[in-house]
């Protein structure tokens, strides 16, 4: 790696970097990659025409462009062998395991490259009462590394390859303010907001990869599945292969048959934006911090699988270990989850928005400072009480909404609420 830094007059800054990386996990002729980058900065508050502005304490503009590489895991360019029960020698004989090639090797596997343009602004205003930064980026990832599903009829199930191009655009905003800065009472706030939008631009030159759920013009984490319209009720005639209490799957193309051709893109697992707010209060020796965290999906974003897999058994006993599961039944026609004794021809997954606002951390502390602590040369003595994940506001029905597969299922885990009390002592 080589790097050059240059600064002039404390206000013009330039950095250029060139690095060459190698990794044996890539194919024979593509083990090395060259990745250049360059950035420039302008501290505009050092200019004579801005130095005397009383409300502007510091300002800096940044711009950078560079290429970075992403490496694969070891042996990804090679065929991989798996084992399975293969032979039984004679009646009552022992089973022998055989080996077969499960993942097809790729002699052309190469570095994934990301080309990014980043612009930013750092500032300090109003006698340091408000500081912040704003960044906007445009990022294109080419030769994307991906494990692609291939038809098992080929004798293989997957191949590690470079599939195309992904584009990401977004911005990040961070603000810190001193709202009140009195002698005995202080109030500070830190706020952050970020948004990212990604889109598949190219895929191997062959169009969409439906088996891998990758679609040109859609997010990389697009949700591709069937649409539903309620549950078949008593008195309705369900189609062949379906029963009363099953989901009503929409025949999207109107050909009279529900099959894989009726799947569509329902949205994305990715969030629309994130934000967090930290408020810190101090009154004499008391300190209080309150941290709120949120992830929002917007329109058809931040979706998670909210399906319920449990059903009625053959003897009509409800396998409902989770009391919050609202199963449909003749006596509960407004039930949210389907009831079935036999699986329907198509049992679609149901996806719902996982947006949430969470009171993630609250801490109250008191600093003990008196003649005793001075005599014992104690630098800090404080007691505190804190709570974590105290309140989560969400319409998501399931476990932790931050876990994409956290729907109501027996294997899920709830978000733990925690309380702690303690003492900090520093000599």
Protein backbone atom coordinates (compact mmCIF):
# COMPACT_ATOMS: atom_id res chain seq x y z
CA UNK A 1 0.00 0.00 0.00
CA UNK A 2 1.18 3.54 -0.78
CA UNK A 3 -0.35 6.76 0.58
CA UNK A 4 0.31 10.46 0.05
CA UNK A 5 -1.01 13.19 2.35
CA UNK A 6 -0.76 16.89 1.51
CA UNK A 7 -1.97 19.92 3.47
CA UNK A 8 -1.59 23.59 2.60
CA UNK A 9 -2.18 26.53 4.90
CA UNK A 10 -4.29 24.43 7.26
CA UNK A 11 -7.31 24.55 4.96
CA UNK A 12 -6.58 22.52 1.81
CA UNK A 13 -6.17 18.78 2.36
CA UNK A 14 -5.52 15.98 -0.13
CA UNK A 15 -5.00 12.24 0.41
CA UNK A 16 -4.33 9.59 -2.25
CA UNK A 17 -4.00 5.85 -1.62
CA UNK A 18 -3.14 2.88 -3.79
CA UNK A 19 -3.25 -0.66 -2.50
CA UNK A 20 -2.81 -4.12 -4.01
CA UNK A 21 -4.39 -7.05 -2.21
CA UNK A 22 -4.19 -10.76 -2.86
CA UNK A 23 -6.26 -13.65 -1.58
CA UNK A 24 -5.85 -17.32 -2.42
CA UNK A 25 -9.59 -17.98 -2.19
CA UNK A 26 -10.10 -16.52 -5.68
CA UNK A 27 -9.52 -18.30 -8.97
CA UNK A 28 -6.05 -18.84 -10.35
CA UNK A 29 -5.92 -15.77 -12.61
CA UNK A 30 -7.83 -13.38 -10.33
CA UNK A 31 -6.16 -13.60 -6.95
CA UNK A 32 -4.92 -9.97 -6.89
CA UNK A 33 -6.79 -6.69 -7.07
CA UNK A 34 -5.66 -3.05 -7.28
CA UNK A 35 -7.75 -0.50 -5.37
CA UNK A 36 -7.08 3.26 -5.69
CA UNK A 37 -8.76 6.09 -3.76
CA UNK A 38 -8.44 9.85 -3.38
CA UNK A 39 -10.06 12.48 -1.17
CA UNK A 40 -9.92 16.23 -0.70
CA UNK A 41 -10.97 18.54 2.10
CA UNK A 42 -11.52 22.29 2.39
CA UNK A 43 -11.67 23.95 5.82
CA UNK A 44 -13.61 26.95 4.56
CA UNK A 45 -13.75 28.67 7.93
CA UNK A 46 -10.04 29.38 7.55
CA UNK A 47 -10.79 31.66 4.61
CA UNK A 48 -10.50 35.36 5.48
CA UNK A 49 -14.04 36.16 4.32
CA UNK A 50 -15.58 33.64 6.76
CA UNK A 51 -13.32 33.97 9.79
CA UNK A 52 -15.26 36.74 11.47
CA UNK A 53 -18.73 35.19 11.35
CA UNK A 54 -19.76 34.90 15.03
CA UNK A 55 -22.21 32.02 14.50
CA UNK A 56 -19.87 29.88 12.38
CA UNK A 57 -17.07 28.31 14.42
CA UNK A 58 -15.89 25.56 12.10
CA UNK A 59 -16.77 24.26 8.66
CA UNK A 60 -15.22 21.66 6.40
CA UNK A 61 -16.26 20.23 3.04
CA UNK A 62 -15.11 16.75 2.05
CA UNK A 63 -15.22 14.75 -1.17
CA UNK A 64 -13.73 11.38 -1.91
CA UNK A 65 -13.80 8.67 -4.54
CA UNK A 66 -12.30 5.23 -4.36
CA UNK A 67 -12.46 1.55 -5.08
CA UNK A 68 -12.53 -1.09 -2.37
CA UNK A 69 -12.51 -4.86 -2.60
CA UNK A 70 -14.49 -7.58 -0.87
CA UNK A 71 -12.99 -11.02 -0.58
CA UNK A 72 -14.77 -14.34 -0.59
CA UNK A 73 -14.41 -17.18 1.90
CA UNK A 74 -11.69 -19.76 1.57
CA UNK A 75 -11.92 -22.38 -1.18
CA UNK A 76 -14.90 -20.60 -2.79
CA UNK A 77 -13.49 -20.97 -6.30
CA UNK A 78 -13.12 -24.73 -5.89
CA UNK A 79 -15.68 -27.50 -6.04
CA UNK A 80 -16.80 -28.63 -2.61
CA UNK A 81 -17.56 -32.20 -1.61
CA UNK A 82 -20.33 -33.30 0.75
CA UNK A 83 -21.23 -36.71 2.15
CA UNK A 84 -24.46 -38.65 2.35
CA UNK A 85 -25.62 -42.25 2.96
CA UNK A 86 -24.84 -43.92 -0.34
CA UNK A 87 -24.61 -47.73 -0.22
CA UNK A 88 -26.10 -50.61 1.76
CA UNK A 89 -24.31 -53.91 1.22
CA UNK A 90 -26.82 -56.76 1.46
CA UNK A 91 -29.90 -57.22 3.63
CA UNK A 92 -29.16 -55.94 7.10
CA UNK A 93 -25.79 -54.67 5.96
CA UNK A 94 -24.17 -51.51 7.23
CA UNK A 95 -24.69 -48.20 5.45
CA UNK A 96 -21.63 -46.73 3.78
CA UNK A 97 -21.26 -43.03 3.17
CA UNK A 98 -20.39 -41.70 -0.23
CA UNK A 99 -19.07 -38.35 -1.40
CA UNK A 100 -20.44 -36.10 -4.08
CA UNK A 101 -19.70 -32.63 -5.45
CA UNK A 102 -22.31 -30.31 -3.96
CA UNK A 103 -20.96 -26.88 -4.97
CA UNK A 104 -19.62 -26.39 -8.49
CA UNK A 105 -16.18 -24.81 -8.80
CA UNK A 106 -15.73 -21.52 -10.64
CA UNK A 107 -12.36 -20.90 -12.35
CA UNK A 108 -13.36 -17.27 -13.06
CA UNK A 109 -14.26 -16.17 -9.49
CA UNK A 110 -12.73 -12.75 -8.82
CA UNK A 111 -12.73 -9.80 -6.43
CA UNK A 112 -15.95 -7.95 -5.76
CA UNK A 113 -15.31 -4.22 -6.30
CA UNK A 114 -17.17 -1.25 -4.83
CA UNK A 115 -16.83 2.19 -6.46
CA UNK A 116 -17.96 4.94 -4.09
CA UNK A 117 -18.34 8.71 -4.26
CA UNK A 118 -18.75 10.37 -0.88
CA UNK A 119 -19.35 14.02 -0.11
CA UNK A 120 -19.62 15.45 3.37
CA UNK A 121 -19.93 18.53 5.53
CA UNK A 122 -18.64 18.97 9.10
CA UNK A 123 -19.69 22.03 11.06
CA UNK A 124 -19.74 23.71 14.48
CA UNK A 125 -22.16 26.58 15.10
CA UNK A 126 -23.23 29.07 17.75
CA UNK A 127 -20.16 29.02 19.98
CA UNK A 128 -19.99 25.21 19.84
CA UNK A 129 -23.60 24.80 20.94
CA UNK A 130 -24.38 22.78 17.79
CA UNK A 131 -22.01 20.38 16.00
CA UNK A 132 -22.77 17.93 13.26
CA UNK A 133 -21.87 16.18 10.07
CA UNK A 134 -23.74 15.27 6.90
CA UNK A 135 -22.62 12.61 4.40
CA UNK A 136 -24.07 11.64 1.06
CA UNK A 137 -22.77 8.62 -0.82
CA UNK A 138 -23.32 6.88 -4.12
CA UNK A 139 -21.92 3.37 -4.26
CA UNK A 140 -21.84 0.80 -7.04
CA UNK A 141 -20.73 -2.74 -6.36
CA UNK A 142 -19.66 -4.72 -9.42
CA UNK A 143 -18.80 -8.38 -9.82
CA UNK A 144 -20.96 -9.04 -6.77
CA UNK A 145 -20.02 -12.24 -4.94
CA UNK A 146 -23.04 -14.47 -4.52
CA UNK A 147 -23.89 -18.12 -4.00
CA UNK A 148 -26.36 -18.81 -6.83
CA UNK A 149 -28.84 -21.69 -6.70
CA UNK A 150 -28.71 -23.88 -9.78
CA UNK A 151 -31.05 -26.76 -10.81
CA UNK A 152 -30.21 -30.00 -8.99
CA UNK A 153 -30.63 -31.83 -12.29
CA UNK A 154 -27.16 -30.53 -13.15
CA UNK A 155 -25.76 -32.63 -10.31
CA UNK A 156 -24.98 -29.56 -8.21
CA UNK A 157 -27.01 -27.25 -5.96
CA UNK A 158 -24.97 -24.01 -5.93
CA UNK A 159 -22.11 -22.14 -7.53
CA UNK A 160 -20.15 -19.23 -6.09
CA UNK A 161 -19.88 -16.58 -8.77
CA UNK A 162 -19.81 -12.87 -9.64
CA UNK A 163 -23.36 -12.04 -10.62
CA UNK A 164 -23.59 -8.40 -11.63
CA UNK A 165 -23.94 -4.90 -10.20
CA UNK A 166 -25.68 -3.42 -7.14
CA UNK A 167 -26.21 0.31 -6.57
CA UNK A 168 -26.53 1.92 -3.13
CA UNK A 169 -27.36 5.57 -2.46
CA UNK A 170 -28.01 7.22 0.85
CA UNK A 171 -27.12 9.82 3.41
CA UNK A 172 -26.26 10.06 7.09
CA UNK A 173 -26.89 12.98 9.43
CA UNK A 174 -25.47 13.38 12.93
CA UNK A 175 -26.17 16.32 15.26
CA UNK A 176 -25.04 17.12 18.80
CA UNK A 177 -26.46 20.08 20.67
CA UNK A 178 -26.04 21.77 24.04
CA UNK A 179 -29.64 22.76 24.66
CA UNK A 180 -29.07 24.11 28.16
CA UNK A 181 -25.60 24.73 29.55
CA UNK A 182 -26.18 26.28 32.96
CA UNK A 183 -24.06 26.09 36.05
CA UNK A 184 -26.20 23.51 37.86
CA UNK A 185 -28.35 22.13 35.02
CA UNK A 186 -27.23 20.84 31.63
CA UNK A 187 -29.14 19.21 28.79
CA UNK A 188 -27.39 17.72 25.73
CA UNK A 189 -28.92 15.93 22.75
CA UNK A 190 -27.36 13.66 20.13
CA UNK A 191 -29.46 12.81 17.07
CA UNK A 192 -28.63 10.57 14.11
CA UNK A 193 -30.58 9.73 10.97
CA UNK A 194 -29.64 7.51 8.04
CA UNK A 195 -31.26 6.23 4.87
CA UNK A 196 -30.01 3.78 2.26
CA UNK A 197 -31.64 2.61 -0.97
CA UNK A 198 -30.15 -0.29 -2.91
CA UNK A 199 -31.06 -1.68 -6.30
CA UNK A 200 -29.92 -4.56 -8.49
CA UNK A 201 -28.61 -3.07 -11.73
CA UNK A 202 -27.24 -6.07 -13.66
CA UNK A 203 -27.34 -9.85 -13.32
CA UNK A 204 -25.04 -12.01 -15.41
CA UNK A 205 -26.56 -10.53 -18.57
CA UNK A 206 -29.37 -13.12 -18.43
CA UNK A 207 -32.13 -11.26 -16.63
CA UNK A 208 -33.62 -12.00 -13.20
CA UNK A 209 -32.39 -14.89 -11.04
CA UNK A 210 -35.77 -15.98 -9.69
CA UNK A 211 -34.42 -19.01 -7.79
CA UNK A 212 -32.07 -16.71 -5.85
CA UNK A 213 -34.77 -13.99 -5.55
CA UNK A 214 -32.67 -11.40 -7.36
CA UNK A 215 -34.48 -9.05 -9.73
CA UNK A 216 -33.13 -6.24 -11.88
CA UNK A 217 -34.41 -2.88 -10.67
CA UNK A 218 -35.40 -4.24 -7.24
CA UNK A 219 -33.64 -4.28 -3.83
CA UNK A 220 -31.22 -7.12 -3.22
CA UNK A 221 -33.38 -8.24 -0.28
CA UNK A 222 -36.66 -8.13 -2.18
CA UNK A 223 -39.54 -10.21 -0.80
CA UNK A 224 -40.91 -12.43 -3.59
CA UNK A 225 -43.95 -14.50 -2.70
CA UNK A 226 -47.69 -15.01 -3.12
CA UNK A 227 -50.31 -12.44 -2.21
CA UNK A 228 -53.21 -13.40 0.04
CA UNK A 229 -56.71 -12.05 0.55
CA UNK A 230 -58.01 -13.31 3.86
CA UNK A 231 -59.04 -16.85 4.83
CA UNK A 232 -61.65 -19.16 3.29
CA UNK A 233 -64.74 -18.94 5.52
CA UNK A 234 -67.57 -21.36 6.19
CA UNK A 235 -70.04 -21.20 3.29
CA UNK A 236 -67.34 -20.48 0.71
CA UNK A 237 -66.33 -23.08 -1.82
CA UNK A 238 -62.59 -23.47 -1.61
CA UNK A 239 -60.75 -24.58 -4.78
CA UNK A 240 -59.41 -28.09 -5.15
CA UNK A 241 -56.41 -28.51 -2.88
CA UNK A 242 -57.67 -26.01 -0.31
CA UNK A 243 -59.98 -26.19 2.70
CA UNK A 244 -62.01 -23.87 4.85
CA UNK A 245 -59.59 -22.10 7.17
CA UNK A 246 -56.77 -21.89 4.57
CA UNK A 247 -55.31 -18.68 3.21
CA UNK A 248 -57.02 -17.39 0.08
CA UNK A 249 -54.15 -17.09 -2.43
CA UNK A 250 -54.66 -14.49 -5.17
CA UNK A 251 -54.59 -15.66 -8.79
CA UNK A 252 -52.49 -12.69 -9.85
CA UNK A 253 -52.36 -13.31 -13.59
CA UNK A 254 -56.03 -14.34 -13.80
CA UNK A 255 -55.48 -17.62 -15.64
CA UNK A 256 -57.70 -19.56 -13.23
CA UNK A 257 -54.79 -21.50 -11.70
CA UNK A 258 -52.66 -20.52 -8.72
CA UNK A 259 -49.05 -21.53 -9.27
CA UNK A 260 -45.54 -20.09 -9.14
CA UNK A 261 -46.42 -17.66 -11.94
CA UNK A 262 -48.63 -15.79 -9.46
CA UNK A 263 -45.76 -14.75 -7.21
CA UNK A 264 -44.77 -11.10 -7.16
CA UNK A 265 -42.52 -8.69 -5.31
CA UNK A 266 -44.24 -7.70 -2.08
CA UNK A 267 -41.60 -5.30 -0.80
CA UNK A 268 -38.18 -5.47 0.80
CA UNK A 269 -36.59 -6.68 4.02
CA UNK A 270 -34.46 -3.52 4.12
CA UNK A 271 -35.54 -0.53 6.24
CA UNK A 272 -36.47 2.82 4.72
CA UNK A 273 -34.58 4.78 7.36
CA UNK A 274 -33.15 4.63 10.90
CA UNK A 275 -32.91 7.24 13.61
CA UNK A 276 -31.82 7.48 17.23
CA UNK A 277 -32.00 10.17 19.92
CA UNK A 278 -29.88 10.38 23.06
CA UNK A 279 -30.82 12.98 25.69
CA UNK A 280 -28.46 13.57 28.61
CA UNK A 281 -29.48 15.62 31.64
CA UNK A 282 -27.34 16.71 34.55
CA UNK A 283 -28.54 18.49 37.67
CA UNK A 284 -25.82 19.04 40.26
CA UNK A 285 -24.64 15.49 41.08
CA UNK A 286 -27.51 13.71 39.33
CA UNK A 287 -27.21 12.46 35.74
CA UNK A 288 -29.93 10.98 33.55
CA UNK A 289 -29.56 9.58 30.01
CA UNK A 290 -32.41 8.42 27.80
CA UNK A 291 -31.70 6.61 24.51
CA UNK A 292 -34.41 6.00 21.89
CA UNK A 293 -33.71 3.84 18.84
CA UNK A 294 -35.93 3.27 15.81
CA UNK A 295 -35.98 1.45 12.47
CA UNK A 296 -38.79 2.29 10.04
CA UNK A 297 -39.87 0.44 6.92
CA UNK A 298 -41.94 3.12 5.22
CA UNK A 299 -44.05 1.78 2.36
CA UNK A 300 -43.51 -1.98 1.85
CA UNK A 301 -40.12 -1.91 3.58
CA UNK A 302 -38.55 -3.72 6.53
CA UNK A 303 -40.77 -6.75 6.00
CA UNK A 304 -40.44 -9.96 8.00
CA UNK A 305 -41.98 -13.39 7.75
CA UNK A 306 -44.89 -13.42 10.19
CA UNK A 307 -46.21 -16.86 9.27
CA UNK A 308 -47.35 -19.37 11.86
CA UNK A 309 -46.41 -22.98 11.15
CA UNK A 310 -48.36 -24.73 13.89
CA UNK A 311 -51.66 -26.35 12.96
CA UNK A 312 -54.37 -28.70 14.15
CA UNK A 313 -53.29 -32.31 14.52
CA UNK A 314 -55.15 -35.25 13.02
CA UNK A 315 -57.22 -35.70 16.19
CA UNK A 316 -58.25 -32.04 15.98
CA UNK A 317 -56.04 -30.88 18.87
CA UNK A 318 -54.72 -27.37 18.43
CA UNK A 319 -50.94 -27.17 18.59
CA UNK A 320 -50.95 -23.69 20.06
CA UNK A 321 -48.09 -23.42 22.51
CA UNK A 322 -48.15 -19.65 22.12
CA UNK A 323 -51.29 -18.05 23.51
CA UNK A 324 -50.81 -14.94 21.37
CA UNK A 325 -51.43 -16.87 18.13
CA UNK A 326 -54.89 -15.94 16.88
CA UNK A 327 -55.91 -19.06 14.91
CA UNK A 328 -58.96 -19.09 12.66
CA UNK A 329 -61.71 -21.47 13.72
CA UNK A 330 -65.45 -21.78 13.06
CA UNK A 331 -66.02 -20.03 16.37
CA UNK A 332 -63.34 -17.41 15.60
CA UNK A 333 -63.93 -16.43 11.96
CA UNK A 334 -61.87 -13.26 12.36
CA UNK A 335 -58.79 -15.25 13.36
CA UNK A 336 -55.60 -13.95 11.80
CA UNK A 337 -53.72 -17.22 11.24
CA UNK A 338 -55.09 -20.12 9.14
CA UNK A 339 -56.24 -23.42 10.57
CA UNK A 340 -55.66 -26.57 8.59
CA UNK A 341 -55.53 -30.29 9.25
CA UNK A 342 -53.97 -30.94 5.87
CA UNK A 343 -51.55 -28.58 4.22
CA UNK A 344 -53.08 -26.78 1.21
CA UNK A 345 -51.58 -26.99 -2.26
CA UNK A 346 -49.88 -23.64 -1.66
CA UNK A 347 -49.29 -22.43 1.86
CA UNK A 348 -47.87 -18.91 1.39
CA UNK A 349 -45.73 -17.01 3.84
CA UNK A 350 -47.22 -13.81 5.21
CA UNK A 351 -44.95 -10.79 5.55
CA UNK A 352 -45.57 -7.78 7.76
CA UNK A 353 -43.85 -4.52 8.55
CA UNK A 354 -41.36 -4.69 11.44
CA UNK A 355 -41.06 -0.92 12.09
CA UNK A 356 -40.50 -0.04 15.73
CA UNK A 357 -39.56 2.72 18.16
CA UNK A 358 -37.76 1.49 21.27
CA UNK A 359 -36.88 3.05 24.58
CA UNK A 360 -33.58 1.20 24.54
CA UNK A 361 -31.66 2.55 27.52
CA UNK A 362 -32.39 4.70 30.57
CA UNK A 363 -29.67 5.33 33.17
CA UNK A 364 -29.87 7.42 36.33
CA UNK A 365 -26.72 8.00 38.39
CA UNK A 366 -25.65 10.05 41.38
CA UNK A 367 -22.06 11.15 41.99
CA UNK A 368 -20.99 11.16 45.64
CA UNK A 369 -18.54 13.95 46.34
CA UNK A 370 -17.83 15.04 49.91
CA UNK A 371 -15.06 15.39 52.44
CA UNK A 372 -14.83 11.62 52.84
CA UNK A 373 -14.13 11.01 49.14
CA UNK A 374 -11.53 13.78 49.12
CA UNK A 375 -9.83 12.38 52.21
CA UNK A 376 -9.71 8.89 50.67
CA UNK A 377 -8.46 10.37 47.36
CA UNK A 378 -11.38 8.83 45.51
CA UNK A 379 -11.57 10.27 41.99
CA UNK A 380 -15.08 9.04 41.31
CA UNK A 381 -17.75 7.39 43.41
CA UNK A 382 -21.22 7.03 41.95
CA UNK A 383 -24.26 4.80 42.17
CA UNK A 384 -26.52 4.07 39.23
CA UNK A 385 -29.67 2.30 38.10
CA UNK A 386 -30.42 1.47 34.48
CA UNK A 387 -33.02 -0.26 32.38
CA UNK A 388 -32.67 -1.67 28.85
CA UNK A 389 -35.35 -2.32 26.23
CA UNK A 390 -38.04 -0.95 28.52
CA UNK A 391 -40.68 -0.17 25.88
CA UNK A 392 -41.01 -1.18 22.21
CA UNK A 393 -43.77 0.43 20.12
CA UNK A 394 -44.52 -1.69 17.08
CA UNK A 395 -47.36 -3.31 15.12
CA UNK A 396 -45.19 -6.38 14.52
CA UNK A 397 -46.75 -9.54 15.95
CA UNK A 398 -43.94 -11.73 17.10
CA UNK A 399 -40.69 -11.68 18.98
CA UNK A 400 -38.02 -9.01 18.53
CA UNK A 401 -38.89 -6.99 15.38
CA UNK A 402 -35.17 -6.53 14.66
CA UNK A 403 -34.97 -10.26 13.88
CA UNK A 404 -36.37 -10.86 10.40
CA UNK A 405 -37.53 -14.40 11.22
CA UNK A 406 -38.88 -13.38 14.61
CA UNK A 407 -42.53 -14.16 13.95
CA UNK A 408 -44.72 -16.12 16.35
CA UNK A 409 -43.02 -19.50 16.32
CA UNK A 410 -41.92 -21.93 18.97
CA UNK A 411 -38.23 -21.40 18.17
CA UNK A 412 -38.36 -17.61 18.57
CA UNK A 413 -36.81 -15.63 21.37
CA UNK A 414 -38.26 -12.54 23.04
CA UNK A 415 -36.36 -9.31 23.47
CA UNK A 416 -35.16 -9.28 27.05
CA UNK A 417 -35.92 -6.36 29.33
CA UNK A 418 -33.06 -5.80 31.75
CA UNK A 419 -32.53 -3.84 34.95
CA UNK A 420 -29.24 -3.23 36.70
CA UNK A 421 -28.02 -1.42 39.77
CA UNK A 422 -24.42 -0.76 40.66
CA UNK A 423 -21.62 1.35 42.02
CA UNK A 424 -18.64 2.84 40.19
CA UNK A 425 -15.47 3.49 42.15
CA UNK A 426 -12.26 5.00 40.80
CA UNK A 427 -9.16 5.82 42.88
